[in-house]
Amino acid sequence: MQRERLPKGSLDVIELLEEKGALTQKDIIDSLKQTKPRAVRYTVRQLLDRAVLVNRANFEDMRSSLIGLNPEMDISNKDLIARQKSVQTVTA
């Protein structure tokens, strides 16, 4: 049985969205300057696939979409995030 994990920078993205609310992918990349843009795009894509994040229409600029935390996230994803946070605090 393979242990399910979140991508490496996922906690940074999740904490940023918890703090600032829904952002465009460009805004997320700009806010996480210490992380490579390619890694941020990969992390966002993985979190969207797992339904941790959701895309919403950006009515200010229809060329982009807003990415935010999924308010209807299932319990397994919430548990996975909590475990990841506890592992990160133990190793820090």
PDB file of N, CA and C in Angstrom:
ATOM      1  N   MET A   1       0.835  -1.185   0.000  1.00  0.00           N
ATOM      2  CA  MET A   1       0.000   0.000   0.000  1.00  0.00           C
ATOM      3  C   MET A   1       0.881   1.251   0.000  1.00  0.00           C
ATOM      4  N   GLN A   2       0.718   2.085  -0.998  1.00  0.00           N
ATOM      5  CA  GLN A   2       1.513   3.284  -1.115  1.00  0.00           C
ATOM      6  C   GLN A   2       0.942   4.383  -0.229  1.00  0.00           C
ATOM      7  N   ARG A   3       1.820   5.038   0.477  1.00  0.00           N
ATOM      8  CA  ARG A   3       1.397   6.111   1.365  1.00  0.00           C
ATOM      9  C   ARG A   3       1.150   7.373   0.552  1.00  0.00           C
ATOM     10  N   GLU A   4       0.012   7.985   0.754  1.00  0.00           N
ATOM     11  CA  GLU A   4      -0.345   9.175  -0.002  1.00  0.00           C
ATOM     12  C   GLU A   4       0.339  10.397   0.600  1.00  0.00           C
ATOM     13  N   ARG A   5       0.922  11.207  -0.284  1.00  0.00           N
ATOM     14  CA  ARG A   5       1.604  12.421   0.156  1.00  0.00           C
ATOM     15  C   ARG A   5       1.162  13.603  -0.683  1.00  0.00           C
ATOM     16  N   LEU A   6       1.367  14.755  -0.113  1.00  0.00           N
ATOM     17  CA  LEU A   6       1.138  15.994  -0.849  1.00  0.00           C
ATOM     18  C   LEU A   6       2.457  16.417  -1.497  1.00  0.00           C
ATOM     19  N   PRO A   7       2.404  17.168  -2.588  1.00  0.00           N
ATOM     20  CA  PRO A   7       3.638  17.683  -3.181  1.00  0.00           C
ATOM     21  C   PRO A   7       4.418  18.524  -2.172  1.00  0.00           C
ATOM     22  N   LYS A   8       5.706  18.669  -2.409  1.00  0.00           N
ATOM     23  CA  LYS A   8       6.602  19.296  -1.454  1.00  0.00           C
ATOM     24  C   LYS A   8       6.186  20.701  -1.007  1.00  0.00           C
ATOM     25  N   GLY A   9       5.784  21.563  -1.917  1.00  0.00           N
ATOM     26  CA  GLY A   9       5.442  22.938  -1.560  1.00  0.00           C
ATOM     27  C   GLY A   9       3.969  23.161  -1.270  1.00  0.00           C
ATOM     28  N   SER A  10       3.231  22.088  -1.095  1.00  0.00           N
ATOM     29  CA  SER A  10       1.780  22.230  -0.953  1.00  0.00           C
ATOM     30  C   SER A  10       1.372  22.993   0.306  1.00  0.00           C
ATOM     31  N   LEU A  11       2.084  22.810   1.389  1.00  0.00           N
ATOM     32  CA  LEU A  11       1.714  23.522   2.615  1.00  0.00           C
ATOM     33  C   LEU A  11       1.912  25.020   2.460  1.00  0.00           C
ATOM     34  N   ASP A  12       2.951  25.423   1.715  1.00  0.00           N
ATOM     35  CA  ASP A  12       3.162  26.844   1.469  1.00  0.00           C
ATOM     36  C   ASP A  12       1.989  27.428   0.685  1.00  0.00           C
ATOM     37  N   VAL A  13       1.536  26.709  -0.339  1.00  0.00           N
ATOM     38  CA  VAL A  13       0.412  27.172  -1.156  1.00  0.00           C
ATOM     39  C   VAL A  13      -0.863  27.215  -0.314  1.00  0.00           C
ATOM     40  N   ILE A  14      -1.121  26.164   0.453  1.00  0.00           N
ATOM     41  CA  ILE A  14      -2.331  26.100   1.276  1.00  0.00           C
ATOM     42  C   ILE A  14      -2.341  27.213   2.318  1.00  0.00           C
ATOM     43  N   GLU A  15      -1.213  27.431   2.994  1.00  0.00           N
ATOM     44  CA  GLU A  15      -1.152  28.479   4.012  1.00  0.00           C
ATOM     45  C   GLU A  15      -1.315  29.868   3.395  1.00  0.00           C
ATOM     46  N   LEU A  16      -0.745  30.071   2.201  1.00  0.00           N
ATOM     47  CA  LEU A  16      -0.900  31.342   1.512  1.00  0.00           C
ATOM     48  C   LEU A  16      -2.367  31.602   1.184  1.00  0.00           C
ATOM     49  N   LEU A  17      -3.059  30.591   0.674  1.00  0.00           N
ATOM     50  CA  LEU A  17      -4.467  30.754   0.321  1.00  0.00           C
ATOM     51  C   LEU A  17      -5.352  30.884   1.552  1.00  0.00           C
ATOM     52  N   GLU A  18      -4.970  30.244   2.666  1.00  0.00           N
ATOM     53  CA  GLU A  18      -5.722  30.429   3.910  1.00  0.00           C
ATOM     54  C   GLU A  18      -5.600  31.870   4.381  1.00  0.00           C
ATOM     55  N   GLU A  19      -4.413  32.444   4.207  1.00  0.00           N
ATOM     56  CA  GLU A  19      -4.146  33.804   4.670  1.00  0.00           C
ATOM     57  C   GLU A  19      -4.760  34.865   3.756  1.00  0.00           C
ATOM     58  N   LYS A  20      -4.568  34.722   2.445  1.00  0.00           N
ATOM     59  CA  LYS A  20      -4.959  35.778   1.510  1.00  0.00           C
ATOM     60  C   LYS A  20      -6.245  35.511   0.745  1.00  0.00           C
ATOM     61  N   GLY A  21      -6.779  34.308   0.802  1.00  0.00           N
ATOM     62  CA  GLY A  21      -7.969  33.983   0.029  1.00  0.00           C
ATOM     63  C   GLY A  21      -7.598  33.559  -1.384  1.00  0.00           C
ATOM     64  N   ALA A  22      -8.571  33.528  -2.277  1.00  0.00           N
ATOM     65  CA  ALA A  22      -8.357  33.057  -3.647  1.00  0.00           C
ATOM     66  C   ALA A  22      -7.431  34.003  -4.403  1.00  0.00           C
ATOM     67  N   LEU A  23      -6.478  33.415  -5.140  1.00  0.00           N
ATOM     68  CA  LEU A  23      -5.505  34.168  -5.927  1.00  0.00           C
ATOM     69  C   LEU A  23      -5.368  33.546  -7.303  1.00  0.00           C
ATOM     70  N   THR A  24      -4.830  34.316  -8.238  1.00  0.00           N
ATOM     71  CA  THR A  24      -4.508  33.735  -9.537  1.00  0.00           C
ATOM     72  C   THR A  24      -3.215  32.942  -9.391  1.00  0.00           C
ATOM     73  N   GLN A  25      -2.945  32.078 -10.359  1.00  0.00           N
ATOM     74  CA  GLN A  25      -1.717  31.290 -10.299  1.00  0.00           C
ATOM     75  C   GLN A  25      -0.490  32.207 -10.336  1.00  0.00           C
ATOM     76  N   LYS A  26      -0.558  33.278 -11.092  1.00  0.00           N
ATOM     77  CA  LYS A  26       0.546  34.238 -11.155  1.00  0.00           C
ATOM     78  C   LYS A  26       0.776  34.885  -9.789  1.00  0.00           C
ATOM     79  N   ASP A  27      -0.304  35.238  -9.097  1.00  0.00           N
ATOM     80  CA  ASP A  27      -0.174  35.832  -7.766  1.00  0.00           C
ATOM     81  C   ASP A  27       0.436  34.847  -6.770  1.00  0.00           C
ATOM     82  N   ILE A  28       0.073  33.579  -6.893  1.00  0.00           N
ATOM     83  CA  ILE A  28       0.650  32.559  -6.011  1.00  0.00           C
ATOM     84  C   ILE A  28       2.146  32.445  -6.271  1.00  0.00           C
ATOM     85  N   ILE A  29       2.525  32.397  -7.542  1.00  0.00           N
ATOM     86  CA  ILE A  29       3.944  32.300  -7.898  1.00  0.00           C
ATOM     87  C   ILE A  29       4.714  33.522  -7.403  1.00  0.00           C
ATOM     88  N   ASP A  30       4.145  34.716  -7.587  1.00  0.00           N
ATOM     89  CA  ASP A  30       4.796  35.944  -7.131  1.00  0.00           C
ATOM     90  C   ASP A  30       4.947  35.991  -5.613  1.00  0.00           C
ATOM     91  N   SER A  31       3.989  35.429  -4.880  1.00  0.00           N
ATOM     92  CA  SER A  31       4.046  35.432  -3.418  1.00  0.00           C
ATOM     93  C   SER A  31       5.048  34.429  -2.867  1.00  0.00           C
ATOM     94  N   LEU A  32       5.274  33.359  -3.608  1.00  0.00           N
ATOM     95  CA  LEU A  32       6.210  32.318  -3.171  1.00  0.00           C
ATOM     96  C   LEU A  32       7.511  32.443  -3.962  1.00  0.00           C
ATOM     97  N   LYS A  33       8.206  33.541  -3.764  1.00  0.00           N
ATOM     98  CA  LYS A  33       9.405  33.849  -4.550  1.00  0.00           C
ATOM     99  C   LYS A  33      10.544  32.859  -4.340  1.00  0.00           C
ATOM    100  N   GLN A  34      10.623  32.240  -3.185  1.00  0.00           N
ATOM    101  CA  GLN A  34      11.708  31.306  -2.913  1.00  0.00           C
ATOM    102  C   GLN A  34      11.523  29.975  -3.639  1.00  0.00           C
ATOM    103  N   THR A  35      10.348  29.744  -4.203  1.00  0.00           N
ATOM    104  CA  THR A  35      10.039  28.499  -4.904  1.00  0.00           C
ATOM    105  C   THR A  35      10.032  28.763  -6.404  1.00  0.00           C
ATOM    106  N   LYS A  36      10.538  27.804  -7.168  1.00  0.00           N
ATOM    107  CA  LYS A  36      10.569  27.949  -8.616  1.00  0.00           C
ATOM    108  C   LYS A  36       9.141  27.943  -9.167  1.00  0.00           C
ATOM    109  N   PRO A  37       8.873  28.786 -10.176  1.00  0.00           N
ATOM    110  CA  PRO A  37       7.520  28.849 -10.757  1.00  0.00           C
ATOM    111  C   PRO A  37       7.018  27.496 -11.258  1.00  0.00           C
ATOM    112  N   ARG A  38       7.898  26.719 -11.832  1.00  0.00           N
ATOM    113  CA  ARG A  38       7.490  25.398 -12.341  1.00  0.00           C
ATOM    114  C   ARG A  38       7.006  24.502 -11.207  1.00  0.00           C
ATOM    115  N   ALA A  39       7.689  24.564 -10.072  1.00  0.00           N
ATOM    116  CA  ALA A  39       7.303  23.752  -8.917  1.00  0.00           C
ATOM    117  C   ALA A  39       5.952  24.204  -8.360  1.00  0.00           C
ATOM    118  N   VAL A  40       5.711  25.515  -8.355  1.00  0.00           N
ATOM    119  CA  VAL A  40       4.436  26.031  -7.864  1.00  0.00           C
ATOM    120  C   VAL A  40       3.305  25.591  -8.791  1.00  0.00           C
ATOM    121  N   ARG A  41       3.522  25.688 -10.111  1.00  0.00           N
ATOM    122  CA  ARG A  41       2.491  25.258 -11.057  1.00  0.00           C
ATOM    123  C   ARG A  41       2.176  23.772 -10.895  1.00  0.00           C
ATOM    124  N   TYR A  42       3.208  22.946 -10.689  1.00  0.00           N
ATOM    125  CA  TYR A  42       3.010  21.512 -10.477  1.00  0.00           C
ATOM    126  C   TYR A  42       2.202  21.274  -9.198  1.00  0.00           C
ATOM    127  N   THR A  43       2.575  21.953  -8.134  1.00  0.00           N
ATOM    128  CA  THR A  43       1.886  21.790  -6.852  1.00  0.00           C
ATOM    129  C   THR A  43       0.424  22.187  -6.971  1.00  0.00           C
ATOM    130  N   VAL A  44       0.157  23.315  -7.610  1.00  0.00           N
ATOM    131  CA  VAL A  44      -1.226  23.777  -7.779  1.00  0.00           C
ATOM    132  C   VAL A  44      -2.018  22.754  -8.596  1.00  0.00           C
ATOM    133  N   ARG A  45      -1.423  22.257  -9.670  1.00  0.00           N
ATOM    134  CA  ARG A  45      -2.109  21.264 -10.510  1.00  0.00           C
ATOM    135  C   ARG A  45      -2.433  19.999  -9.713  1.00  0.00           C
ATOM    136  N   GLN A  46      -1.486  19.519  -8.904  1.00  0.00           N
ATOM    137  CA  GLN A  46      -1.716  18.325  -8.090  1.00  0.00           C
ATOM    138  C   GLN A  46      -2.816  18.563  -7.051  1.00  0.00           C
ATOM    139  N   LEU A  47      -2.813  19.732  -6.424  1.00  0.00           N
ATOM    140  CA  LEU A  47      -3.837  20.032  -5.421  1.00  0.00           C
ATOM    141  C   LEU A  47      -5.211  20.216  -6.058  1.00  0.00           C
ATOM    142  N   LEU A  48      -5.255  20.743  -7.287  1.00  0.00           N
ATOM    143  CA  LEU A  48      -6.527  20.828  -8.009  1.00  0.00           C
ATOM    144  C   LEU A  48      -7.043  19.435  -8.344  1.00  0.00           C
ATOM    145  N   ASP A  49      -6.148  18.540  -8.772  1.00  0.00           N
ATOM    146  CA  ASP A  49      -6.539  17.163  -9.106  1.00  0.00           C
ATOM    147  C   ASP A  49      -7.072  16.416  -7.891  1.00  0.00           C
ATOM    148  N   ARG A  50      -6.559  16.732  -6.708  1.00  0.00           N
ATOM    149  CA  ARG A  50      -7.001  16.061  -5.475  1.00  0.00           C
ATOM    150  C   ARG A  50      -8.188  16.756  -4.827  1.00  0.00           C
ATOM    151  N   ALA A  51      -8.683  17.799  -5.452  1.00  0.00           N
ATOM    152  CA  ALA A  51      -9.843  18.567  -4.966  1.00  0.00           C
ATOM    153  C   ALA A  51      -9.551  19.281  -3.646  1.00  0.00           C
ATOM    154  N   VAL A  52      -8.283  19.581  -3.387  1.00  0.00           N
ATOM    155  CA  VAL A  52      -7.935  20.410  -2.237  1.00  0.00           C
ATOM    156  C   VAL A  52      -8.167  21.871  -2.602  1.00  0.00           C
ATOM    157  N   LEU A  53      -7.895  22.212  -3.867  1.00  0.00           N
ATOM    158  CA  LEU A  53      -8.114  23.551  -4.389  1.00  0.00           C
ATOM    159  C   LEU A  53      -9.204  23.509  -5.453  1.00  0.00           C
ATOM    160  N   VAL A  54      -9.811  24.663  -5.714  1.00  0.00           N
ATOM    161  CA  VAL A  54     -10.819  24.780  -6.765  1.00  0.00           C
ATOM    162  C   VAL A  54     -10.519  26.010  -7.618  1.00  0.00           C
ATOM    163  N   ASN A  55     -10.889  25.918  -8.898  1.00  0.00           N
ATOM    164  CA  ASN A  55     -10.810  27.046  -9.829  1.00  0.00           C
ATOM    165  C   ASN A  55     -12.131  27.783  -9.821  1.00  0.00           C
ATOM    166  N   ARG A  56     -12.060  29.103  -9.809  1.00  0.00           N
ATOM    167  CA  ARG A  56     -13.262  29.919  -9.928  1.00  0.00           C
ATOM    168  C   ARG A  56     -13.018  30.984 -10.987  1.00  0.00           C
ATOM    169  N   ALA A  57     -14.066  31.487 -11.569  1.00  0.00           N
ATOM    170  CA  ALA A  57     -13.941  32.538 -12.575  1.00  0.00           C
ATOM    171  C   ALA A  57     -13.414  33.815 -11.931  1.00  0.00           C
ATOM    172  N   ASN A  58     -12.520  34.475 -12.632  1.00  0.00           N
ATOM    173  CA  ASN A  58     -11.996  35.765 -12.195  1.00  0.00           C
ATOM    174  C   ASN A  58     -12.709  36.834 -13.007  1.00  0.00           C
ATOM    175  N   PHE A  59     -13.696  37.480 -12.438  1.00  0.00           N
ATOM    176  CA  PHE A  59     -14.505  38.438 -13.167  1.00  0.00           C
ATOM    177  C   PHE A  59     -13.768  39.746 -13.437  1.00  0.00           C
ATOM    178  N   GLU A  60     -12.661  39.992 -12.733  1.00  0.00           N
ATOM    179  CA  GLU A  60     -11.856  41.184 -12.993  1.00  0.00           C
ATOM    180  C   GLU A  60     -10.991  41.001 -14.239  1.00  0.00           C
ATOM    181  N   ASP A  61     -10.555  39.763 -14.503  1.00  0.00           N
ATOM    182  CA  ASP A  61      -9.722  39.458 -15.657  1.00  0.00           C
ATOM    183  C   ASP A  61     -10.080  38.057 -16.131  1.00  0.00           C
ATOM    184  N   MET A  62     -10.920  37.965 -17.129  1.00  0.00           N
ATOM    185  CA  MET A  62     -11.426  36.674 -17.580  1.00  0.00           C
ATOM    186  C   MET A  62     -10.361  35.792 -18.239  1.00  0.00           C
ATOM    187  N   ARG A  63      -9.157  36.332 -18.459  1.00  0.00           N
ATOM    188  CA  ARG A  63      -8.075  35.524 -19.026  1.00  0.00           C
ATOM    189  C   ARG A  63      -7.487  34.572 -17.990  1.00  0.00           C
ATOM    190  N   SER A  64      -7.710  34.855 -16.733  1.00  0.00           N
ATOM    191  CA  SER A  64      -7.167  34.010 -15.670  1.00  0.00           C
ATOM    192  C   SER A  64      -8.300  33.534 -14.768  1.00  0.00           C
ATOM    193  N   SER A  65      -7.993  32.561 -13.944  1.00  0.00           N
ATOM    194  CA  SER A  65      -8.983  32.079 -12.980  1.00  0.00           C
ATOM    195  C   SER A  65      -8.419  32.232 -11.578  1.00  0.00           C
ATOM    196  N   LEU A  66      -9.311  32.302 -10.620  1.00  0.00           N
ATOM    197  CA  LEU A  66      -8.902  32.380  -9.212  1.00  0.00           C
ATOM    198  C   LEU A  66      -8.815  30.968  -8.646  1.00  0.00           C
ATOM    199  N   ILE A  67      -7.790  30.728  -7.893  1.00  0.00           N
ATOM    200  CA  ILE A  67      -7.578  29.429  -7.264  1.00  0.00           C
ATOM    201  C   ILE A  67      -7.726  29.633  -5.763  1.00  0.00           C
ATOM    202  N   GLY A  68      -8.570  28.833  -5.156  1.00  0.00           N
ATOM    203  CA  GLY A  68      -8.803  28.944  -3.721  1.00  0.00           C
ATOM    204  C   GLY A  68      -8.965  27.585  -3.086  1.00  0.00           C
ATOM    205  N   LEU A  69      -9.018  27.576  -1.775  1.00  0.00           N
ATOM    206  CA  LEU A  69      -9.230  26.326  -1.050  1.00  0.00           C
ATOM    207  C   LEU A  69     -10.652  25.838  -1.280  1.00  0.00           C
ATOM    208  N   ASN A  70     -10.805  24.550  -1.382  1.00  0.00           N
ATOM    209  CA  ASN A  70     -12.110  23.941  -1.585  1.00  0.00           C
ATOM    210  C   ASN A  70     -12.856  23.908  -0.253  1.00  0.00           C
ATOM    211  N   PRO A  71     -13.954  24.670  -0.126  1.00  0.00           N
ATOM    212  CA  PRO A  71     -14.693  24.664   1.142  1.00  0.00           C
ATOM    213  C   PRO A  71     -15.378  23.333   1.421  1.00  0.00           C
ATOM    214  N   GLU A  72     -15.554  22.517   0.376  1.00  0.00           N
ATOM    215  CA  GLU A  72     -16.206  21.216   0.532  1.00  0.00           C
ATOM    216  C   GLU A  72     -15.195  20.077   0.471  1.00  0.00           C
ATOM    217  N   MET A  73     -13.966  20.368   0.876  1.00  0.00           N
ATOM    218  CA  MET A  73     -12.904  19.371   0.855  1.00  0.00           C
ATOM    219  C   MET A  73     -13.285  18.182   1.729  1.00  0.00           C
ATOM    220  N   ASP A  74     -13.034  16.984   1.220  1.00  0.00           N
ATOM    221  CA  ASP A  74     -13.408  15.804   2.003  1.00  0.00           C
ATOM    222  C   ASP A  74     -12.440  15.590   3.171  1.00  0.00           C
ATOM    223  N   ILE A  75     -12.864  14.798   4.102  1.00  0.00           N
ATOM    224  CA  ILE A  75     -12.137  14.576   5.354  1.00  0.00           C
ATOM    225  C   ILE A  75     -10.752  13.986   5.103  1.00  0.00           C
ATOM    226  N   SER A  76     -10.618  13.098   4.130  1.00  0.00           N
ATOM    227  CA  SER A  76      -9.317  12.471   3.882  1.00  0.00           C
ATOM    228  C   SER A  76      -8.274  13.505   3.485  1.00  0.00           C
ATOM    229  N   ASN A  77      -8.651  14.515   2.694  1.00  0.00           N
ATOM    230  CA  ASN A  77      -7.704  15.565   2.331  1.00  0.00           C
ATOM    231  C   ASN A  77      -7.369  16.440   3.533  1.00  0.00           C
ATOM    232  N   LYS A  78      -8.356  16.732   4.367  1.00  0.00           N
ATOM    233  CA  LYS A  78      -8.092  17.521   5.572  1.00  0.00           C
ATOM    234  C   LYS A  78      -7.137  16.777   6.503  1.00  0.00           C
ATOM    235  N   ASP A  79      -7.334  15.470   6.635  1.00  0.00           N
ATOM    236  CA  ASP A  79      -6.433  14.663   7.468  1.00  0.00           C
ATOM    237  C   ASP A  79      -5.031  14.642   6.897  1.00  0.00           C
ATOM    238  N   LEU A  80      -4.932  14.527   5.578  1.00  0.00           N
ATOM    239  CA  LEU A  80      -3.631  14.503   4.916  1.00  0.00           C
ATOM    240  C   LEU A  80      -2.885  15.815   5.141  1.00  0.00           C
ATOM    241  N   ILE A  81      -3.591  16.935   5.053  1.00  0.00           N
ATOM    242  CA  ILE A  81      -2.975  18.240   5.296  1.00  0.00           C
ATOM    243  C   ILE A  81      -2.533  18.358   6.753  1.00  0.00           C
ATOM    244  N   ALA A  82      -3.370  17.914   7.662  1.00  0.00           N
ATOM    245  CA  ALA A  82      -3.024  17.982   9.092  1.00  0.00           C
ATOM    246  C   ALA A  82      -1.794  17.135   9.399  1.00  0.00           C
ATOM    247  N   ARG A  83      -1.739  15.930   8.823  1.00  0.00           N
ATOM    248  CA  ARG A  83      -0.556  15.081   9.033  1.00  0.00           C
ATOM    249  C   ARG A  83       0.693  15.727   8.474  1.00  0.00           C
ATOM    250  N   GLN A  84       0.581  16.315   7.288  1.00  0.00           N
ATOM    251  CA  GLN A  84       1.721  16.966   6.652  1.00  0.00           C
ATOM    252  C   GLN A  84       2.216  18.132   7.503  1.00  0.00           C
ATOM    253  N   LYS A  85       1.279  18.908   8.078  1.00  0.00           N
ATOM    254  CA  LYS A  85       1.655  20.032   8.935  1.00  0.00           C
ATOM    255  C   LYS A  85       2.356  19.534  10.200  1.00  0.00           C
ATOM    256  N   SER A  86       1.854  18.437  10.774  1.00  0.00           N
ATOM    257  CA  SER A  86       2.487  17.923  11.989  1.00  0.00           C
ATOM    258  C   SER A  86       3.864  17.378  11.709  1.00  0.00           C
ATOM    259  N   VAL A  87       4.062  16.757  10.558  1.00  0.00           N
ATOM    260  CA  VAL A  87       5.394  16.269  10.189  1.00  0.00           C
ATOM    261  C   VAL A  87       6.335  17.429   9.974  1.00  0.00           C
ATOM    262  N   GLN A  88       5.851  18.507   9.360  1.00  0.00           N
ATOM    263  CA  GLN A  88       6.686  19.658   9.093  1.00  0.00           C
ATOM    264  C   GLN A  88       7.098  20.340  10.396  1.00  0.00           C
ATOM    265  N   THR A  89       6.210  20.438  11.372  1.00  0.00           N
ATOM    266  CA  THR A  89       6.555  21.085  12.631  1.00  0.00           C
ATOM    267  C   THR A  89       7.526  20.235  13.441  1.00  0.00           C
ATOM    268  N   VAL A  90       7.435  18.921  13.317  1.00  0.00           N
ATOM    269  CA  VAL A  90       8.357  18.049  14.046  1.00  0.00           C
ATOM    270  C   VAL A  90       9.758  18.161  13.474  1.00  0.00           C
ATOM    271  N   THR A  91       9.884  18.249  12.145  1.00  0.00           N
ATOM    272  CA  THR A  91      11.197  18.311  11.521  1.00  0.00           C
ATOM    273  C   THR A  91      11.796  19.709  11.569  1.00  0.00           C
ATOM    274  N   ALA A  92      10.991  20.710  11.862  1.00  0.00           N
ATOM    275  CA  ALA A  92      11.504  22.104  11.876  1.00  0.00           C
ATOM    276  C   ALA A  92      12.270  22.428  13.125  1.00  0.00           C
TER     277      ALA A  92
END
